[in-house]
Amino acid sequence: MRRVVQSLRRPCHFLVSLLPLLLQPLVAKADARTIVPDRVATYGAPPEDATATLRIQGATDLEYFEGLLEAFTKVTPGLRIVYEDITTNALNEVATAQCAGLVSPADLVVSSSVDQQVKLVNDGCARPHSSPAIDLVPSWAKWREELFGLTFEPIVIVYNRALVPPDQVPRSRFDLIDLLRPEGNIFKGKVATYDIEASGVGYLLAFADSLEATTFGRLIEAFGRNDVVATCCFTEIVDGVADGRYLIAYNMFGSYALARAAGDPRIGVIAPSDYTLVLSRAAFIPKGAPNPDIAGAFLDFALSSEGRRILATSSLIVSFTEDGGGIAPSLDGSPNLRPIAFSPVLLVGLDAQKRKLFLDVWNQSIRLLRAGVPANFRPD
């Protein structure tokens, strides 16, 4: 049984942005002891009847993750799960403070910002976990028997089916650049993406793009000329695509997008044909976790055939095979899959000097692009 205890969604900020060539993740400078989760929900046994409690801190929206949480309580009698929903940068701050002994640790930390997760593990913040289930995880989606990928999610382009002409639907980044090239095109101010200053995973995806794409410089230049809108949240962006405020959304989670498209004919989803990034949400057990054995059992359940089935039903595992449970047919395109591997390479993007360089360029770009924009301008 689920009981939502708290709902404190932070407001999303809309920015007009020119992304620099070296996009690096930037950790927000907040006092982790004062960070409050966006939402807190409980599952399973009520407090007075619980024989054990599993506290999970994660950056996955509850509506996609709660099926797995509820299923695990059903196979673990007496268990109470407390799930704290926290945005990626704030979650990283909290996990860092936990590692330093400043706040009480959770039992499990799950984040889509895998570069930040790799750094936490590299800094000695995790404890190892081994099991037959872990052995089945692909090598790119685990690291040092301490960090494990739970999902399989393509990163996609979302568009408005009714307002984008069929011959202008971007099937690749090359197509998107061509759409944004002409003066007076219909997409000016109508392309949206994650605010990479507010979103840790936004940084990660942009950084991965800078490593993968020969088109990256031209794409960012095109975004700048066409006043790309950047915001923190998937729901904000895709709602905007659905109602026509935006026509195209770039670097969106395919899991969320496909789930939305299944019930909304206005939403189209493209797996870019030049390459499609694939992300696996990374989980680790903190070194001071009060209940590491239960956390390990949850990881094993998530990686079991039943756990994979539940995650696929929630669109957090997207199959590209004919027996993919009806998920893949909603995805338009034949993707060239490029998984974001859990490796020390991701630590390069967290270099302090590069972060500072990025922040300087980011702020300069925003000032230039905001020139002449009314102070009360809000794209919503």
Protein backbone atom coordinates (compact mmCIF):
# COMPACT_ATOMS: atom_id res chain seq x y z
CA MET A 1 0.00 0.00 0.00
CA ARG A 2 1.35 3.39 -0.99
CA ARG A 3 0.95 6.53 1.14
CA VAL A 4 2.37 9.80 -0.16
CA VAL A 5 3.66 11.69 2.83
CA GLN A 6 5.05 14.80 1.24
CA SER A 7 4.80 16.65 -2.07
CA LEU A 8 7.14 19.59 -2.47
CA ARG A 9 7.92 19.84 -6.18
CA ARG A 10 10.49 22.53 -6.81
CA PRO A 11 9.64 25.12 -9.49
CA CYS A 12 11.39 24.65 -12.84
CA HIS A 13 13.35 27.56 -14.31
CA PHE A 14 13.22 28.25 -18.02
CA LEU A 15 16.45 29.47 -19.61
CA VAL A 16 17.39 30.48 -23.11
CA SER A 17 20.78 28.91 -23.57
CA LEU A 18 23.73 28.40 -25.88
CA LEU A 19 25.50 25.21 -24.81
CA PRO A 20 29.30 25.24 -24.94
CA LEU A 21 31.43 22.67 -26.68
CA LEU A 22 32.76 21.28 -23.43
CA LEU A 23 29.61 20.49 -21.49
CA GLN A 24 30.53 19.27 -18.06
CA PRO A 25 28.42 18.18 -15.10
CA LEU A 26 28.21 20.82 -12.38
CA VAL A 27 27.39 19.95 -8.79
CA ALA A 28 25.03 22.39 -7.13
CA LYS A 29 26.46 24.14 -4.10
CA ALA A 30 23.80 23.48 -1.49
CA ASP A 31 23.87 22.49 2.15
CA ALA A 32 22.82 18.85 1.99
CA ARG A 33 21.54 19.01 5.56
CA THR A 34 18.79 21.38 4.46
CA ILE A 35 17.74 19.61 1.26
CA VAL A 36 14.15 18.36 1.41
CA PRO A 37 12.97 15.60 -0.96
CA ASP A 38 10.47 16.60 -3.63
CA ARG A 39 8.21 13.78 -2.50
CA VAL A 40 8.31 11.00 0.05
CA ALA A 41 6.19 7.86 -0.31
CA THR A 42 5.91 4.68 1.73
CA TYR A 43 5.05 1.15 0.63
CA GLY A 44 4.38 -2.13 2.38
CA ALA A 45 3.87 -2.61 6.10
CA PRO A 46 2.72 0.32 8.27
CA PRO A 47 5.33 1.58 10.76
CA GLU A 48 3.78 -0.22 13.74
CA ASP A 49 3.85 -3.58 11.94
CA ALA A 50 7.12 -3.29 10.04
CA THR A 51 9.93 -5.66 10.93
CA ALA A 52 12.40 -3.88 8.65
CA THR A 53 12.62 -0.61 6.73
CA LEU A 54 14.37 0.00 3.40
CA ARG A 55 15.11 3.67 2.73
CA ILE A 56 15.76 4.47 -0.93
CA GLN A 57 16.77 7.86 -2.27
CA GLY A 58 16.25 8.20 -5.99
CA ALA A 59 15.80 10.53 -8.93
CA THR A 60 13.26 8.34 -10.73
CA ASP A 61 9.68 9.61 -10.83
CA LEU A 62 7.48 7.57 -8.50
CA GLU A 63 4.87 6.70 -11.10
CA TYR A 64 7.50 4.72 -13.03
CA PHE A 65 9.33 3.13 -10.10
CA GLU A 66 6.56 2.32 -7.64
CA GLY A 67 5.51 -0.90 -9.39
CA LEU A 68 8.90 -2.38 -8.52
CA LEU A 69 8.74 -1.06 -4.96
CA GLU A 70 5.27 -2.49 -4.36
CA ALA A 71 6.22 -5.86 -5.86
CA PHE A 72 9.26 -6.17 -3.60
CA THR A 73 7.18 -5.52 -0.47
CA LYS A 74 4.83 -8.34 -1.51
CA VAL A 75 7.68 -10.87 -1.62
CA THR A 76 9.26 -9.51 1.59
CA PRO A 77 6.74 -9.81 4.45
CA GLY A 78 6.98 -7.13 7.13
CA LEU A 79 9.03 -4.78 4.97
CA ARG A 80 8.34 -1.06 4.84
CA ILE A 81 9.93 0.94 2.00
CA VAL A 82 10.46 4.68 2.28
CA TYR A 83 11.22 6.25 -1.10
CA GLU A 84 12.57 9.81 -1.23
CA ASP A 85 12.27 11.45 -4.64
CA ILE A 86 15.12 13.97 -5.11
CA THR A 87 16.44 15.74 -8.23
CA THR A 88 19.80 14.54 -9.50
CA ASN A 89 22.05 17.39 -8.35
CA ALA A 90 20.41 17.56 -4.92
CA LEU A 91 20.65 13.78 -4.59
CA ASN A 92 24.36 13.95 -5.35
CA GLU A 93 24.83 16.59 -2.64
CA VAL A 94 22.94 14.46 -0.12
CA ALA A 95 24.89 11.30 -0.99
CA THR A 96 28.19 13.20 -0.72
CA ALA A 97 27.22 14.46 2.73
CA GLN A 98 26.22 10.96 3.77
CA CYS A 99 29.60 9.66 2.64
CA ALA A 100 31.29 12.30 4.80
CA GLY A 101 29.22 11.32 7.83
CA LEU A 102 27.32 14.64 7.94
CA VAL A 103 23.85 13.11 7.55
CA SER A 104 22.39 9.65 8.08
CA PRO A 105 22.86 7.41 5.03
CA ALA A 106 20.09 5.80 3.03
CA ASP A 107 20.12 2.08 2.25
CA LEU A 108 20.20 2.58 -1.52
CA VAL A 109 20.89 5.50 -3.87
CA VAL A 110 19.53 5.37 -7.43
CA SER A 111 20.24 8.10 -10.00
CA SER A 112 20.14 8.67 -13.75
CA SER A 113 23.16 10.98 -13.36
CA VAL A 114 25.59 8.08 -13.66
CA ASP A 115 28.69 10.25 -13.83
CA GLN A 116 27.94 11.56 -10.35
CA GLN A 117 27.29 8.00 -9.19
CA VAL A 118 30.63 6.83 -10.59
CA LYS A 119 32.38 9.63 -8.71
CA LEU A 120 30.67 8.73 -5.44
CA VAL A 121 31.76 5.11 -5.84
CA ASN A 122 35.26 6.18 -6.83
CA ASP A 123 35.42 8.31 -3.67
CA GLY A 124 34.75 5.26 -1.50
CA CYS A 125 31.10 5.97 -0.73
CA ALA A 126 29.72 2.52 -1.67
CA ARG A 127 29.96 -0.99 -0.32
CA PRO A 128 30.26 -4.01 -2.63
CA HIS A 129 27.46 -6.42 -3.42
CA SER A 130 27.83 -9.69 -5.29
CA SER A 131 25.25 -12.27 -6.34
CA PRO A 132 24.29 -14.43 -9.34
CA ALA A 133 21.92 -11.64 -10.44
CA ILE A 134 24.77 -9.13 -10.51
CA ASP A 135 26.81 -11.50 -12.70
CA LEU A 136 24.18 -11.14 -15.44
CA VAL A 137 24.46 -7.35 -15.66
CA PRO A 138 26.26 -6.24 -18.87
CA SER A 139 29.83 -5.11 -18.26
CA TRP A 140 29.08 -1.56 -19.42
CA ALA A 141 26.33 -1.23 -16.77
CA LYS A 142 28.31 -2.12 -13.64
CA TRP A 143 31.54 -1.06 -11.99
CA ARG A 144 33.72 -2.53 -9.24
CA GLU A 145 30.88 -4.69 -7.82
CA GLU A 146 29.58 -1.47 -6.26
CA LEU A 147 27.57 0.32 -8.98
CA PHE A 148 24.83 -1.41 -10.93
CA GLY A 149 22.56 -0.40 -13.81
CA LEU A 150 18.88 -1.19 -13.33
CA THR A 151 17.25 0.11 -16.52
CA PHE A 152 17.76 0.36 -20.30
CA GLU A 153 16.51 3.69 -21.63
CA PRO A 154 17.17 5.27 -25.03
CA ILE A 155 17.63 9.04 -25.23
CA VAL A 156 15.29 10.37 -27.88
CA ILE A 157 13.83 13.32 -29.78
CA VAL A 158 10.19 14.12 -29.03
CA TYR A 159 8.00 16.10 -31.42
CA ASN A 160 4.41 17.27 -31.91
CA ARG A 161 2.79 14.99 -34.49
CA ALA A 162 0.09 17.49 -35.40
CA LEU A 163 2.27 20.59 -35.80
CA VAL A 164 5.53 19.27 -37.28
CA PRO A 165 5.04 18.46 -40.99
CA PRO A 166 5.91 14.82 -41.79
CA ASP A 167 8.73 15.88 -44.12
CA GLN A 168 10.28 17.97 -41.30
CA VAL A 169 10.34 15.31 -38.59
CA PRO A 170 14.06 15.10 -37.61
CA ARG A 171 15.25 11.49 -37.93
CA SER A 172 18.82 12.40 -36.93
CA ARG A 173 20.87 15.27 -35.55
CA PHE A 174 21.80 16.14 -39.12
CA ASP A 175 18.10 16.61 -39.88
CA LEU A 176 17.63 18.74 -36.78
CA ILE A 177 20.50 21.03 -37.75
CA ASP A 178 19.03 21.41 -41.25
CA LEU A 179 15.64 22.33 -39.80
CA LEU A 180 17.18 25.07 -37.67
CA ARG A 181 19.40 26.54 -40.39
CA PRO A 182 17.00 28.78 -42.39
CA GLU A 183 16.16 32.25 -41.11
CA GLY A 184 12.54 32.53 -40.06
CA ASN A 185 12.04 28.79 -39.59
CA ILE A 186 9.02 27.66 -37.58
CA PHE A 187 11.19 26.15 -34.84
CA LYS A 188 12.73 29.36 -33.48
CA GLY A 189 11.95 29.45 -29.74
CA LYS A 190 10.12 26.14 -30.15
CA VAL A 191 12.91 23.65 -29.34
CA ALA A 192 13.33 22.56 -25.73
CA THR A 193 15.85 20.50 -23.78
CA TYR A 194 16.99 19.95 -20.20
CA ASP A 195 18.44 22.89 -18.30
CA ILE A 196 21.92 21.48 -17.91
CA GLU A 197 22.67 23.79 -14.99
CA ALA A 198 19.71 22.52 -12.95
CA SER A 199 19.79 18.90 -14.08
CA GLY A 200 22.67 16.54 -13.41
CA VAL A 201 21.49 14.10 -16.04
CA GLY A 202 21.13 17.01 -18.46
CA TYR A 203 24.86 17.62 -18.04
CA LEU A 204 25.61 13.96 -18.51
CA LEU A 205 23.69 13.67 -21.78
CA ALA A 206 25.20 16.84 -23.19
CA PHE A 207 28.69 15.68 -22.20
CA ALA A 208 28.06 12.30 -23.82
CA ASP A 209 26.94 14.13 -26.96
CA SER A 210 30.16 16.13 -27.01
CA LEU A 211 32.13 12.86 -27.01
CA GLU A 212 30.00 11.06 -29.59
CA ALA A 213 28.83 13.58 -32.15
CA THR A 214 30.76 15.14 -34.99
CA THR A 215 27.67 17.33 -35.32
CA PHE A 216 27.86 18.64 -31.78
CA GLY A 217 29.35 22.06 -32.45
CA ARG A 218 26.91 22.80 -35.28
CA LEU A 219 23.97 21.58 -33.21
CA ILE A 220 24.80 23.83 -30.27
CA GLU A 221 25.32 26.79 -32.61
CA ALA A 222 21.92 26.10 -34.14
CA PHE A 223 20.35 25.92 -30.68
CA GLY A 224 21.83 29.31 -29.85
CA ARG A 225 20.58 30.99 -33.03
CA ASN A 226 17.10 29.55 -32.50
CA ASP A 227 16.65 30.45 -28.81
CA VAL A 228 16.43 26.92 -27.45
CA VAL A 229 14.37 26.78 -24.24
CA ALA A 230 15.94 24.91 -21.34
CA THR A 231 14.06 23.71 -18.28
CA CYS A 232 14.60 21.26 -15.48
CA CYS A 233 11.83 18.75 -15.94
CA PHE A 234 10.67 16.19 -18.46
CA THR A 235 7.00 16.79 -17.67
CA GLU A 236 7.33 20.53 -18.24
CA ILE A 237 8.98 19.98 -21.59
CA VAL A 238 6.70 17.26 -22.96
CA ASP A 239 3.57 19.05 -21.78
CA GLY A 240 4.88 21.98 -23.83
CA VAL A 241 5.35 19.76 -26.88
CA ALA A 242 1.84 18.36 -26.51
CA ASP A 243 0.16 21.75 -26.31
CA GLY A 244 2.30 23.33 -29.04
CA ARG A 245 4.44 25.70 -26.98
CA TYR A 246 7.36 23.63 -28.24
CA LEU A 247 7.53 21.62 -31.43
CA ILE A 248 10.63 19.52 -30.66
CA ALA A 249 12.31 18.34 -27.46
CA TYR A 250 15.91 17.13 -27.58
CA ASN A 251 17.68 14.57 -25.34
CA MET A 252 14.59 13.24 -23.60
CA PHE A 253 14.28 9.96 -21.71
CA GLY A 254 12.77 7.43 -24.08
CA SER A 255 11.20 5.59 -21.16
CA TYR A 256 9.14 8.57 -20.07
CA ALA A 257 8.45 9.67 -23.65
CA LEU A 258 7.16 6.28 -24.79
CA ALA A 259 4.90 5.99 -21.77
CA ARG A 260 3.48 9.43 -22.55
CA ALA A 261 3.12 8.70 -26.27
CA ALA A 262 1.15 5.53 -25.53
CA GLY A 263 -1.69 7.66 -24.17
CA ASP A 264 -1.25 10.89 -26.12
CA PRO A 265 -1.45 10.85 -29.94
CA ARG A 266 0.09 14.33 -30.09
CA ILE A 267 3.48 12.95 -28.98
CA GLY A 268 5.93 11.39 -31.43
CA VAL A 269 9.20 9.75 -30.38
CA ILE A 270 12.32 9.40 -32.55
CA ALA A 271 15.41 7.29 -31.90
CA PRO A 272 18.06 9.31 -33.79
CA SER A 273 19.52 7.27 -36.62
CA ASP A 274 23.04 8.74 -36.37
CA TYR A 275 23.32 7.37 -32.83
CA THR A 276 20.99 6.80 -29.89
CA LEU A 277 22.43 7.12 -26.41
CA VAL A 278 21.27 4.49 -23.91
CA LEU A 279 21.29 5.19 -20.20
CA SER A 280 20.98 2.76 -17.30
CA ARG A 281 20.01 4.26 -13.93
CA ALA A 282 22.83 3.52 -11.51
CA ALA A 283 22.31 2.17 -8.00
CA PHE A 284 24.72 1.65 -5.12
CA ILE A 285 24.54 0.70 -1.45
CA PRO A 286 26.13 3.43 0.69
CA LYS A 287 29.03 2.28 2.83
CA GLY A 288 27.15 3.16 6.04
CA ALA A 289 23.75 1.81 4.96
CA PRO A 290 21.76 0.63 8.03
CA ASN A 291 20.19 -2.28 6.09
CA PRO A 292 22.65 -3.34 3.37
CA ASP A 293 21.36 -6.91 3.16
CA ILE A 294 17.83 -5.76 2.37
CA ALA A 295 19.21 -3.25 -0.13
CA GLY A 296 21.15 -6.06 -1.81
CA ALA A 297 18.03 -8.23 -1.93
CA PHE A 298 16.16 -5.36 -3.60
CA LEU A 299 18.92 -5.03 -6.23
CA ASP A 300 18.73 -8.77 -6.92
CA PHE A 301 14.94 -8.55 -7.27
CA ALA A 302 15.21 -5.60 -9.66
CA LEU A 303 17.64 -7.62 -11.79
CA SER A 304 15.57 -10.82 -11.71
CA SER A 305 13.28 -11.85 -14.55
CA GLU A 306 10.27 -10.62 -12.57
CA GLY A 307 11.94 -7.32 -11.79
CA ARG A 308 12.89 -6.83 -15.44
CA ARG A 309 9.31 -7.56 -16.47
CA ILE A 310 7.98 -4.92 -14.05
CA LEU A 311 10.51 -2.33 -15.20
CA ALA A 312 9.64 -3.06 -18.83
CA THR A 313 5.95 -2.63 -18.07
CA SER A 314 6.82 0.76 -16.55
CA SER A 315 8.85 1.64 -19.70
CA LEU A 316 12.12 1.80 -17.74
CA ILE A 317 13.44 -1.05 -19.86
CA VAL A 318 12.88 -0.47 -23.57
CA SER A 319 13.26 -3.48 -25.81
CA PHE A 320 14.35 -3.24 -29.44
CA THR A 321 13.25 -6.78 -30.29
CA GLU A 322 9.95 -8.02 -31.69
CA ASP A 323 9.04 -9.61 -28.34
CA GLY A 324 9.61 -6.37 -26.45
CA GLY A 325 6.18 -6.32 -24.84
CA GLY A 326 4.71 -3.75 -27.22
CA ILE A 327 7.06 -0.97 -26.13
CA ALA A 328 9.46 -0.74 -29.04
CA PRO A 329 6.77 -0.37 -31.74
CA SER A 330 6.02 3.14 -30.38
CA LEU A 331 9.61 4.14 -31.08
CA ASP A 332 10.14 5.56 -34.56
CA GLY A 333 13.53 4.86 -36.08
CA SER A 334 16.28 2.24 -36.27
CA PRO A 335 18.69 3.35 -33.59
CA ASN A 336 22.42 2.91 -33.56
CA LEU A 337 22.66 2.24 -29.84
CA ARG A 338 25.48 3.81 -27.80
CA PRO A 339 25.29 2.84 -24.12
CA ILE A 340 26.80 5.29 -21.62
CA ALA A 341 29.28 2.99 -19.90
CA PHE A 342 29.99 3.12 -16.17
CA SER A 343 33.68 3.89 -16.24
CA PRO A 344 36.31 6.35 -14.97
CA VAL A 345 36.01 8.16 -18.31
CA LEU A 346 32.93 9.87 -16.86
CA LEU A 347 35.09 11.42 -14.14
CA VAL A 348 36.71 13.65 -16.75
CA GLY A 349 33.47 15.57 -16.99
CA LEU A 350 33.58 16.37 -13.27
CA ASP A 351 36.95 18.11 -13.34
CA ALA A 352 36.66 21.33 -11.28
CA GLN A 353 38.55 23.49 -13.77
CA LYS A 354 36.38 22.37 -16.66
CA ARG A 355 33.25 22.94 -14.57
CA LYS A 356 34.38 26.51 -13.92
CA LEU A 357 35.11 27.04 -17.60
CA PHE A 358 31.72 25.69 -18.48
CA LEU A 359 29.94 27.88 -15.91
CA ASP A 360 31.65 31.00 -17.27
CA VAL A 361 30.66 30.17 -20.84
CA TRP A 362 27.16 29.16 -19.79
CA ASN A 363 26.49 32.44 -17.95
CA GLN A 364 27.96 34.49 -20.81
CA SER A 365 25.78 32.65 -23.31
CA ILE A 366 22.64 33.28 -21.28
CA ARG A 367 23.38 37.00 -20.99
CA LEU A 368 23.93 37.30 -24.74
CA LEU A 369 20.81 35.39 -25.67
CA ARG A 370 18.63 37.20 -23.15
CA ALA A 371 19.48 40.61 -24.59
CA GLY A 372 16.24 42.32 -25.56
CA VAL A 373 14.03 39.70 -23.90
CA PRO A 374 11.45 41.25 -21.51
CA ALA A 375 12.32 40.74 -17.84
CA ASN A 376 8.98 39.04 -17.19
CA PHE A 377 9.30 36.64 -20.14
CA ARG A 378 8.10 33.13 -19.33
CA PRO A 379 7.75 30.54 -22.10
CA ASP A 380 4.87 28.92 -20.23
